[in-house]
Structure formats: C-alpha cells, structure tokens
Amino acid sequence: MATTQLTSAASSISAKGFTSFEGLRAVKISSFSPLNQNCLSLRSFRALVVKSATTVAPKYTSLKPLGDRVLVKTKTAEEKTTGGILLPTTAQSKPQSGEIVAVGEGRAIGKTKVDLSVKAGAKVVYSKYAGTEVEFEGTSHLILKEDDIVGTLETDDVKDMKPLNDRVLIKVAEAETKTAGGLYLSDASKEKPSIGTVIAVGPGPFDEEGKRSPLSVAAGNTVLYSKYAGNDFKGVDGSDYVALKVSDVMAILS
C-alpha cells in the first residue's frame, strides 16, 4: 500500500512579514523566507486588497436610489464594549443601523403608486446582511430595499423601535433556568426561547389596492414565534428583543 509522506517544506515558511487582516480590508504581505527544498525565493508581494463594497468615483456627486430603494449612511461599528474594553476588528459587530440620506420614488401596487414609509433623515434599523455596500464620498453606505428595513429608531434603545409594514417587535421571554425535574441549566444548555411579548407592531402591509391591512397581533400579546426567524437585538437594560415579520408569529398565548 502506497504511503503518502508530508514534507516539512511548508514549515520553513516564515510568517514574520505578515501584517494583520482587518476584516476583508487591505493586507500587506512583505516577504517569505526561501523554501529549502526548491530554493525558491519569494521576497515581496504587492498588497492584497479584498473589498466587498463598490466604490463610487469622486467625479459622481449624487446617488439617487430607484423604485423602493433607499440609500443609508451606515453607523460606525462599535470599537469598545459597554465596559470600555477595546474590541479587535474581527470582534466588532457589523452595524445594523444608520441614517437615510436619499430615497427612491416609491413602488407601484397594482395601479396605485405608493410612497415609501421612510424619509431622508430618518434613523433606521435594517436586516444584518441586507443590501449592497457602497463607498460614496469617502463614507460607507448601503443601498437597501424598503422591505429590508426593520424599523425606525429615534433613540439608542431598541425597545423604542417603530417597526415598518408587517414587522413586529417582541421582547423575548427569559430562558428557563431549571428542568422540569428541578435541575439547574447551564447557559450553554438553555434552550433559545421562542416566546415573548409584543412591544410594537407595524402599520401593516399594503393590499392590492394600496391600502394598509391591519396585523393579526397587537402590542401586549404574548406570542409563540419561529425560533430562528427575524433579527436579534440587545436592549440598553440587557433585555433581548427580536424583530420579525408577522408571518413568523405562529400563535397567541393566553
């Protein structure tokens, strides 16, 4: 039987010249030490740049979204924890909020033209991985569809969010700390709750005539919802919240 042997050539590569990655941004690789067996010398590499955002050239001074799209100037990622600990770039959470700087002309529902529910200047919260990243006028922006916007927020506390359209904001019930037999559960073994209290509801989706349809749940209802639906948020007081579409709410509990 043939035996495959691994050589130690790879182990002779020196990582001395590497500089750290910052997310997916520019990285410089300055040098490799020669490979002993092949006598190859790779002394220098040009900088490797991986960018997920589309950069708009400075000659363009205006960006007008079309249809039901909006342009959002994203909030800068938090560089410190609430306790003041400096976070490395890889640990900084991707922002989910920003300020609308431009909006499209709206959308057509049947024969009715409907304006967007948000205006320029509004502070909004959006789905975490939604939209297209754009570098415009030297700052980070997102082009989003209105449906990607979870709600508007006038304060820094998520409990004050006003959901848009068919979305609801739910305060998540605390996870059970004991089993049915009275045994205490560790944090790792606690099941993610899928029950909570509705804090706020959106105005409802549009029907075929361009009129709002009321939602089937109201603020104050205790509901059962799909476990992994929506977007999770942490309130200023440490409480957990989830914003999701009303279609992800499965039942009202009483």
C-alpha atoms as a PDB file:
ATOM      1  CA  MET A   1       0.000   0.000   0.000  1.00  0.00           C
ATOM      2  CA  ALA A   2       1.365   3.341  -1.007  1.00  0.00           C
ATOM      3  CA  THR A   3       2.231   5.707   1.781  1.00  0.00           C
ATOM      4  CA  THR A   4       1.920   9.445   1.410  1.00  0.00           C
ATOM      5  CA  GLN A   5       4.578  11.397   3.264  1.00  0.00           C
ATOM      6  CA  LEU A   6       4.242  15.027   4.112  1.00  0.00           C
ATOM      7  CA  THR A   7       7.434  17.026   3.734  1.00  0.00           C
ATOM      8  CA  SER A   8       8.428  19.738   6.126  1.00  0.00           C
ATOM      9  CA  ALA A   9       8.926  22.279   3.372  1.00  0.00           C
ATOM     10  CA  ALA A  10       5.828  24.214   4.347  1.00  0.00           C
ATOM     11  CA  SER A  11       7.087  24.545   7.896  1.00  0.00           C
ATOM     12  CA  SER A  12      10.080  26.532   6.704  1.00  0.00           C
ATOM     13  CA  ILE A  13       7.865  29.390   5.565  1.00  0.00           C
ATOM     14  CA  SER A  14       8.313  32.321   7.869  1.00  0.00           C
ATOM     15  CA  ALA A  15       5.247  34.364   8.810  1.00  0.00           C
ATOM     16  CA  LYS A  16       7.452  37.192  10.009  1.00  0.00           C
ATOM     17  CA  GLY A  17       6.458  39.544   7.249  1.00  0.00           C
ATOM     18  CA  PHE A  18       2.687  39.258   7.585  1.00  0.00           C
ATOM     19  CA  THR A  19       0.590  42.136   8.865  1.00  0.00           C
ATOM     20  CA  SER A  20      -2.828  41.523  10.372  1.00  0.00           C
ATOM     21  CA  PHE A  21      -6.053  41.381   8.422  1.00  0.00           C
ATOM     22  CA  GLU A  22      -8.758  43.874   9.302  1.00  0.00           C
ATOM     23  CA  GLY A  23     -11.953  42.150   8.286  1.00  0.00           C
ATOM     24  CA  LEU A  24     -11.722  41.925   4.499  1.00  0.00           C
ATOM     25  CA  ARG A  25      -9.637  45.053   4.028  1.00  0.00           C
ATOM     26  CA  ALA A  26      -6.158  45.693   2.700  1.00  0.00           C
ATOM     27  CA  VAL A  27      -3.382  43.368   3.800  1.00  0.00           C
ATOM     28  CA  LYS A  28       0.295  43.616   3.111  1.00  0.00           C
ATOM     29  CA  ILE A  29       2.476  40.520   2.687  1.00  0.00           C
ATOM     30  CA  SER A  30       6.048  41.682   2.744  1.00  0.00           C
ATOM     31  CA  SER A  31       8.146  38.521   2.435  1.00  0.00           C
ATOM     32  CA  PHE A  32       8.534  34.771   2.610  1.00  0.00           C
ATOM     33  CA  SER A  33      11.734  33.038   3.597  1.00  0.00           C
ATOM     34  CA  PRO A  34      13.110  30.779   0.831  1.00  0.00           C
ATOM     35  CA  LEU A  35      11.752  27.240   0.534  1.00  0.00           C
ATOM     36  CA  ASN A  36      14.618  24.942   1.435  1.00  0.00           C
ATOM     37  CA  GLN A  37      13.880  22.096  -0.956  1.00  0.00           C
ATOM     38  CA  ASN A  38      13.052  24.047  -4.081  1.00  0.00           C
ATOM     39  CA  CYS A  39      15.369  27.005  -3.435  1.00  0.00           C
ATOM     40  CA  LEU A  40      12.589  29.380  -4.390  1.00  0.00           C
ATOM     41  CA  SER A  41      12.826  32.919  -3.143  1.00  0.00           C
ATOM     42  CA  LEU A  42       9.600  34.896  -2.846  1.00  0.00           C
ATOM     43  CA  ARG A  43      10.845  38.144  -1.413  1.00  0.00           C
ATOM     44  CA  SER A  44       7.968  40.518  -1.869  1.00  0.00           C
ATOM     45  CA  PHE A  45       4.338  40.581  -2.745  1.00  0.00           C
ATOM     46  CA  ARG A  46       2.151  43.514  -3.616  1.00  0.00           C
ATOM     47  CA  ALA A  47      -0.620  44.348  -1.191  1.00  0.00           C
ATOM     48  CA  LEU A  48      -3.623  42.069  -1.385  1.00  0.00           C
ATOM     49  CA  VAL A  49      -6.875  44.032  -1.356  1.00  0.00           C
ATOM     50  CA  VAL A  50     -10.239  42.368  -0.891  1.00  0.00           C
ATOM     51  CA  LYS A  51     -13.152  44.814  -0.774  1.00  0.00           C
ATOM     52  CA  SER A  52     -16.802  43.881  -0.592  1.00  0.00           C
ATOM     53  CA  ALA A  53     -18.075  47.430  -1.188  1.00  0.00           C
ATOM     54  CA  THR A  54     -18.467  49.139  -4.550  1.00  0.00           C
ATOM     55  CA  THR A  55     -16.516  52.400  -4.600  1.00  0.00           C
ATOM     56  CA  VAL A  56     -18.169  55.313  -6.377  1.00  0.00           C
ATOM     57  CA  ALA A  57     -15.599  57.540  -8.102  1.00  0.00           C
ATOM     58  CA  PRO A  58     -15.282  61.133  -6.760  1.00  0.00           C
ATOM     59  CA  LYS A  59     -16.485  62.578 -10.077  1.00  0.00           C
ATOM     60  CA  TYR A  60     -20.001  61.382  -9.165  1.00  0.00           C
ATOM     61  CA  THR A  61     -21.518  63.735  -6.584  1.00  0.00           C
ATOM     62  CA  SER A  62     -25.088  62.434  -6.469  1.00  0.00           C
ATOM     63  CA  LEU A  63     -26.576  58.989  -5.914  1.00  0.00           C
ATOM     64  CA  LYS A  64     -30.340  58.663  -6.406  1.00  0.00           C
ATOM     65  CA  PRO A  65     -31.936  55.316  -5.447  1.00  0.00           C
ATOM     66  CA  LEU A  66     -34.648  53.973  -7.748  1.00  0.00           C
ATOM     67  CA  GLY A  67     -38.050  52.465  -7.014  1.00  0.00           C
ATOM     68  CA  ASP A  68     -38.448  51.219  -3.441  1.00  0.00           C
ATOM     69  CA  ARG A  69     -34.740  51.510  -2.624  1.00  0.00           C
ATOM     70  CA  VAL A  70     -33.080  53.839  -0.123  1.00  0.00           C
ATOM     71  CA  LEU A  71     -29.515  54.993   0.472  1.00  0.00           C
ATOM     72  CA  VAL A  72     -28.403  54.626   4.093  1.00  0.00           C
ATOM     73  CA  LYS A  73     -25.257  56.069   5.658  1.00  0.00           C
ATOM     74  CA  THR A  74     -24.216  53.282   7.998  1.00  0.00           C
ATOM     75  CA  LYS A  75     -23.315  53.750  11.617  1.00  0.00           C
ATOM     76  CA  THR A  76     -19.687  53.117  12.558  1.00  0.00           C
ATOM     77  CA  ALA A  77     -19.017  49.739  14.200  1.00  0.00           C
ATOM     78  CA  GLU A  78     -18.561  49.804  17.950  1.00  0.00           C
ATOM     79  CA  GLU A  79     -14.876  49.697  18.856  1.00  0.00           C
ATOM     80  CA  LYS A  80     -15.420  49.151  22.583  1.00  0.00           C
ATOM     81  CA  THR A  81     -17.712  47.060  24.757  1.00  0.00           C
ATOM     82  CA  THR A  82     -20.119  48.742  27.168  1.00  0.00           C
ATOM     83  CA  GLY A  83     -17.479  48.070  29.834  1.00  0.00           C
ATOM     84  CA  GLY A  84     -14.845  50.032  27.904  1.00  0.00           C
ATOM     85  CA  ILE A  85     -12.831  47.078  26.569  1.00  0.00           C
ATOM     86  CA  LEU A  86     -11.296  47.790  23.174  1.00  0.00           C
ATOM     87  CA  LEU A  87     -12.507  45.285  20.585  1.00  0.00           C
ATOM     88  CA  PRO A  88     -10.251  43.902  17.827  1.00  0.00           C
ATOM     89  CA  THR A  89     -11.532  44.487  14.309  1.00  0.00           C
ATOM     90  CA  THR A  90     -12.566  40.844  13.892  1.00  0.00           C
ATOM     91  CA  ALA A  91     -14.761  41.045  17.002  1.00  0.00           C
ATOM     92  CA  GLN A  92     -16.552  44.256  16.078  1.00  0.00           C
ATOM     93  CA  SER A  93     -20.154  43.525  15.163  1.00  0.00           C
ATOM     94  CA  LYS A  94     -21.433  44.597  11.777  1.00  0.00           C
ATOM     95  CA  PRO A  95     -23.609  47.722  12.144  1.00  0.00           C
ATOM     96  CA  GLN A  96     -27.371  47.300  11.653  1.00  0.00           C
ATOM     97  CA  SER A  97     -28.380  50.933  11.846  1.00  0.00           C
ATOM     98  CA  GLY A  98     -27.822  54.168  10.003  1.00  0.00           C
ATOM     99  CA  GLU A  99     -29.391  57.337   8.613  1.00  0.00           C
ATOM    100  CA  ILE A 100     -31.307  57.554   5.360  1.00  0.00           C
ATOM    101  CA  VAL A 101     -29.775  60.139   3.033  1.00  0.00           C
ATOM    102  CA  ALA A 102     -31.866  59.520  -0.110  1.00  0.00           C
ATOM    103  CA  VAL A 103     -34.991  57.590  -1.096  1.00  0.00           C
ATOM    104  CA  GLY A 104     -36.490  56.275  -4.308  1.00  0.00           C
ATOM    105  CA  GLU A 105     -39.732  57.454  -5.880  1.00  0.00           C
ATOM    106  CA  GLY A 106     -41.784  54.605  -4.418  1.00  0.00           C
ATOM    107  CA  ARG A 107     -43.368  51.497  -5.865  1.00  0.00           C
ATOM    108  CA  ALA A 108     -46.458  50.522  -7.796  1.00  0.00           C
ATOM    109  CA  ILE A 109     -49.014  48.144  -6.273  1.00  0.00           C
ATOM    110  CA  GLY A 110     -51.482  47.299  -8.999  1.00  0.00           C
ATOM    111  CA  LYS A 111     -52.459  50.664 -10.479  1.00  0.00           C
ATOM    112  CA  THR A 112     -51.648  52.538  -7.292  1.00  0.00           C
ATOM    113  CA  LYS A 113     -48.325  54.270  -6.679  1.00  0.00           C
ATOM    114  CA  VAL A 114     -47.250  54.038  -3.037  1.00  0.00           C
ATOM    115  CA  ASP A 115     -44.676  56.315  -1.464  1.00  0.00           C
ATOM    116  CA  LEU A 116     -42.024  54.830   0.798  1.00  0.00           C
ATOM    117  CA  SER A 117     -42.705  54.696   4.540  1.00  0.00           C
ATOM    118  CA  VAL A 118     -39.384  56.360   5.381  1.00  0.00           C
ATOM    119  CA  LYS A 119     -37.916  59.741   4.535  1.00  0.00           C
ATOM    120  CA  ALA A 120     -34.428  61.215   4.261  1.00  0.00           C
ATOM    121  CA  GLY A 121     -33.027  61.962   7.710  1.00  0.00           C
ATOM    122  CA  ALA A 122     -34.752  59.024   9.423  1.00  0.00           C
ATOM    123  CA  LYS A 123     -32.621  56.744  11.584  1.00  0.00           C
ATOM    124  CA  VAL A 124     -33.355  53.142  10.719  1.00  0.00           C
ATOM    125  CA  VAL A 125     -32.503  49.594  11.734  1.00  0.00           C
ATOM    126  CA  TYR A 126     -32.120  47.052   8.938  1.00  0.00           C
ATOM    127  CA  SER A 127     -31.571  43.339   8.440  1.00  0.00           C
ATOM    128  CA  LYS A 128     -27.988  42.362   9.165  1.00  0.00           C
ATOM    129  CA  TYR A 129     -26.915  41.003   5.788  1.00  0.00           C
ATOM    130  CA  ALA A 130     -29.224  43.025   3.556  1.00  0.00           C
ATOM    131  CA  GLY A 131     -28.373  45.494   0.826  1.00  0.00           C
ATOM    132  CA  THR A 132     -25.376  46.410  -1.297  1.00  0.00           C
ATOM    133  CA  GLU A 133     -22.375  48.102   0.302  1.00  0.00           C
ATOM    134  CA  VAL A 134     -21.230  51.307  -1.387  1.00  0.00           C
ATOM    135  CA  GLU A 135     -18.327  53.647  -0.629  1.00  0.00           C
ATOM    136  CA  PHE A 136     -19.692  57.093  -1.537  1.00  0.00           C
ATOM    137  CA  GLU A 137     -17.994  60.411  -0.796  1.00  0.00           C
ATOM    138  CA  GLY A 138     -15.485  58.586   1.397  1.00  0.00           C
ATOM    139  CA  THR A 139     -18.021  57.020   3.757  1.00  0.00           C
ATOM    140  CA  SER A 140     -19.792  53.667   3.988  1.00  0.00           C
ATOM    141  CA  HIS A 141     -23.346  53.406   2.693  1.00  0.00           C
ATOM    142  CA  LEU A 142     -25.895  50.694   1.941  1.00  0.00           C
ATOM    143  CA  ILE A 143     -28.458  50.586  -0.838  1.00  0.00           C
ATOM    144  CA  LEU A 144     -31.461  48.757   0.614  1.00  0.00           C
ATOM    145  CA  LYS A 145     -34.985  47.902  -0.387  1.00  0.00           C
ATOM    146  CA  GLU A 146     -37.626  49.281   1.939  1.00  0.00           C
ATOM    147  CA  ASP A 147     -38.566  45.711   2.868  1.00  0.00           C
ATOM    148  CA  ASP A 148     -35.047  45.238   4.294  1.00  0.00           C
ATOM    149  CA  ILE A 149     -35.668  47.991   6.846  1.00  0.00           C
ATOM    150  CA  VAL A 150     -36.857  46.572  10.166  1.00  0.00           C
ATOM    151  CA  GLY A 151     -37.973  49.862  11.710  1.00  0.00           C
ATOM    152  CA  THR A 152     -37.166  53.438  12.627  1.00  0.00           C
ATOM    153  CA  LEU A 153     -35.383  54.380  15.826  1.00  0.00           C
ATOM    154  CA  GLU A 154     -35.258  57.842  17.395  1.00  0.00           C
ATOM    155  CA  THR A 155     -33.257  56.815  20.486  1.00  0.00           C
ATOM    156  CA  ASP A 156     -30.345  54.469  21.165  1.00  0.00           C
ATOM    157  CA  ASP A 157     -32.587  51.871  22.835  1.00  0.00           C
ATOM    158  CA  VAL A 158     -34.094  49.163  20.644  1.00  0.00           C
ATOM    159  CA  LYS A 159     -37.228  48.993  22.803  1.00  0.00           C
ATOM    160  CA  ASP A 160     -38.239  52.337  21.266  1.00  0.00           C
ATOM    161  CA  MET A 161     -38.122  50.970  17.712  1.00  0.00           C
ATOM    162  CA  LYS A 162     -41.145  51.568  15.474  1.00  0.00           C
ATOM    163  CA  PRO A 163     -41.494  48.543  13.164  1.00  0.00           C
ATOM    164  CA  LEU A 164     -42.283  49.092   9.489  1.00  0.00           C
ATOM    165  CA  ASN A 165     -45.021  47.490   7.399  1.00  0.00           C
ATOM    166  CA  ASP A 166     -45.685  43.866   8.506  1.00  0.00           C
ATOM    167  CA  ARG A 167     -42.983  43.641  11.183  1.00  0.00           C
ATOM    168  CA  VAL A 168     -43.392  43.338  14.938  1.00  0.00           C
ATOM    169  CA  LEU A 169     -41.004  43.970  17.829  1.00  0.00           C
ATOM    170  CA  ILE A 170     -41.015  41.329  20.555  1.00  0.00           C
ATOM    171  CA  LYS A 171     -39.367  41.312  23.975  1.00  0.00           C
ATOM    172  CA  VAL A 172     -38.039  37.785  24.362  1.00  0.00           C
ATOM    173  CA  ALA A 173     -39.049  35.822  27.469  1.00  0.00           C
ATOM    174  CA  GLU A 174     -36.185  34.765  29.701  1.00  0.00           C
ATOM    175  CA  ALA A 175     -34.867  31.257  29.115  1.00  0.00           C
ATOM    176  CA  GLU A 176     -35.829  28.571  31.634  1.00  0.00           C
ATOM    177  CA  THR A 177     -33.140  28.133  34.275  1.00  0.00           C
ATOM    178  CA  LYS A 178     -34.357  24.738  35.520  1.00  0.00           C
ATOM    179  CA  THR A 179     -35.533  21.500  34.000  1.00  0.00           C
ATOM    180  CA  ALA A 180     -38.978  20.061  34.814  1.00  0.00           C
ATOM    181  CA  GLY A 181     -37.213  17.941  37.441  1.00  0.00           C
ATOM    182  CA  GLY A 182     -35.704  20.975  39.175  1.00  0.00           C
ATOM    183  CA  LEU A 183     -32.142  20.716  37.847  1.00  0.00           C
ATOM    184  CA  TYR A 184     -30.363  23.982  37.083  1.00  0.00           C
ATOM    185  CA  LEU A 185     -29.347  24.506  33.468  1.00  0.00           C
ATOM    186  CA  SER A 186     -26.013  25.943  32.382  1.00  0.00           C
ATOM    187  CA  ASP A 187     -26.038  28.888  29.977  1.00  0.00           C
ATOM    188  CA  ALA A 188     -24.852  26.611  27.168  1.00  0.00           C
ATOM    189  CA  SER A 189     -27.710  24.152  27.687  1.00  0.00           C
ATOM    190  CA  LYS A 190     -30.504  26.712  27.984  1.00  0.00           C
ATOM    191  CA  GLU A 191     -32.859  26.457  25.038  1.00  0.00           C
ATOM    192  CA  LYS A 192     -33.317  29.597  22.956  1.00  0.00           C
ATOM    193  CA  PRO A 193     -36.765  30.983  23.837  1.00  0.00           C
ATOM    194  CA  SER A 194     -39.396  31.330  21.123  1.00  0.00           C
ATOM    195  CA  ILE A 195     -41.969  33.074  23.304  1.00  0.00           C
ATOM    196  CA  GLY A 196     -42.197  36.770  24.004  1.00  0.00           C
ATOM    197  CA  THR A 197     -44.357  39.840  24.458  1.00  0.00           C
ATOM    198  CA  VAL A 198     -45.184  42.091  21.529  1.00  0.00           C
ATOM    199  CA  ILE A 199     -43.854  45.593  22.235  1.00  0.00           C
ATOM    200  CA  ALA A 200     -44.795  47.335  18.981  1.00  0.00           C
ATOM    201  CA  VAL A 201     -46.310  46.487  15.605  1.00  0.00           C
ATOM    202  CA  GLY A 202     -46.015  47.979  12.144  1.00  0.00           C
ATOM    203  CA  PRO A 203     -48.920  49.648  10.301  1.00  0.00           C
ATOM    204  CA  GLY A 204     -49.444  46.517   8.211  1.00  0.00           C
ATOM    205  CA  PRO A 205     -48.691  45.514   4.615  1.00  0.00           C
ATOM    206  CA  PHE A 206     -50.342  47.024   1.549  1.00  0.00           C
ATOM    207  CA  ASP A 207     -53.179  45.154  -0.142  1.00  0.00           C
ATOM    208  CA  GLU A 208     -53.768  45.049  -3.901  1.00  0.00           C
ATOM    209  CA  GLU A 209     -55.490  48.435  -3.788  1.00  0.00           C
ATOM    210  CA  GLY A 210     -52.588  50.099  -1.979  1.00  0.00           C
ATOM    211  CA  LYS A 211     -54.362  50.208   1.394  1.00  0.00           C
ATOM    212  CA  ARG A 212     -52.941  49.007   4.693  1.00  0.00           C
ATOM    213  CA  SER A 213     -54.070  45.647   6.069  1.00  0.00           C
ATOM    214  CA  PRO A 214     -54.027  45.501   9.908  1.00  0.00           C
ATOM    215  CA  LEU A 215     -51.833  42.903  11.563  1.00  0.00           C
ATOM    216  CA  SER A 216     -53.247  39.904  13.437  1.00  0.00           C
ATOM    217  CA  VAL A 217     -51.299  40.692  16.630  1.00  0.00           C
ATOM    218  CA  ALA A 218     -51.198  43.749  18.868  1.00  0.00           C
ATOM    219  CA  ALA A 219     -48.889  45.277  21.457  1.00  0.00           C
ATOM    220  CA  GLY A 220     -49.209  43.367  24.739  1.00  0.00           C
ATOM    221  CA  ASN A 221     -49.907  39.966  23.162  1.00  0.00           C
ATOM    222  CA  THR A 222     -47.786  37.047  24.342  1.00  0.00           C
ATOM    223  CA  VAL A 223     -46.853  35.089  21.232  1.00  0.00           C
ATOM    224  CA  LEU A 224     -45.095  31.962  20.026  1.00  0.00           C
ATOM    225  CA  TYR A 225     -42.819  32.618  17.046  1.00  0.00           C
ATOM    226  CA  SER A 226     -40.428  30.727  14.782  1.00  0.00           C
ATOM    227  CA  LYS A 227     -37.257  30.066  16.742  1.00  0.00           C
ATOM    228  CA  TYR A 228     -34.672  31.289  14.242  1.00  0.00           C
ATOM    229  CA  ALA A 229     -36.681  33.999  12.492  1.00  0.00           C
ATOM    230  CA  GLY A 230     -36.040  37.732  12.449  1.00  0.00           C
ATOM    231  CA  ASN A 231     -33.224  39.905  13.770  1.00  0.00           C
ATOM    232  CA  ASP A 232     -31.991  39.739  17.366  1.00  0.00           C
ATOM    233  CA  PHE A 233     -31.157  42.866  19.368  1.00  0.00           C
ATOM    234  CA  LYS A 234     -29.952  43.665  22.869  1.00  0.00           C
ATOM    235  CA  GLY A 235     -31.660  46.481  24.763  1.00  0.00           C
ATOM    236  CA  VAL A 236     -29.925  49.081  26.909  1.00  0.00           C
ATOM    237  CA  ASP A 237     -31.201  47.269  30.008  1.00  0.00           C
ATOM    238  CA  GLY A 238     -29.751  43.958  28.789  1.00  0.00           C
ATOM    239  CA  SER A 239     -33.104  42.513  27.695  1.00  0.00           C
ATOM    240  CA  ASP A 240     -33.305  40.526  24.459  1.00  0.00           C
ATOM    241  CA  TYR A 241     -35.551  41.624  21.617  1.00  0.00           C
ATOM    242  CA  VAL A 242     -36.392  40.192  18.221  1.00  0.00           C
ATOM    243  CA  ALA A 243     -37.917  41.999  15.241  1.00  0.00           C
ATOM    244  CA  LEU A 244     -39.628  39.740  12.729  1.00  0.00           C
ATOM    245  CA  LYS A 245     -42.385  39.571  10.148  1.00  0.00           C
ATOM    246  CA  VAL A 246     -45.862  38.821  11.451  1.00  0.00           C
ATOM    247  CA  SER A 247     -45.897  35.703   9.249  1.00  0.00           C
ATOM    248  CA  ASP A 248     -43.227  34.258  11.585  1.00  0.00           C
ATOM    249  CA  VAL A 249     -45.605  34.552  14.564  1.00  0.00           C
ATOM    250  CA  MET A 250     -47.315  31.177  14.938  1.00  0.00           C
ATOM    251  CA  ALA A 251     -49.759  31.671  17.821  1.00  0.00           C
ATOM    252  CA  ILE A 252     -51.070  33.997  20.516  1.00  0.00           C
ATOM    253  CA  LEU A 253     -50.769  32.619  24.064  1.00  0.00           C
ATOM    254  CA  SER A 254     -53.125  33.398  26.928  1.00  0.00           C
END
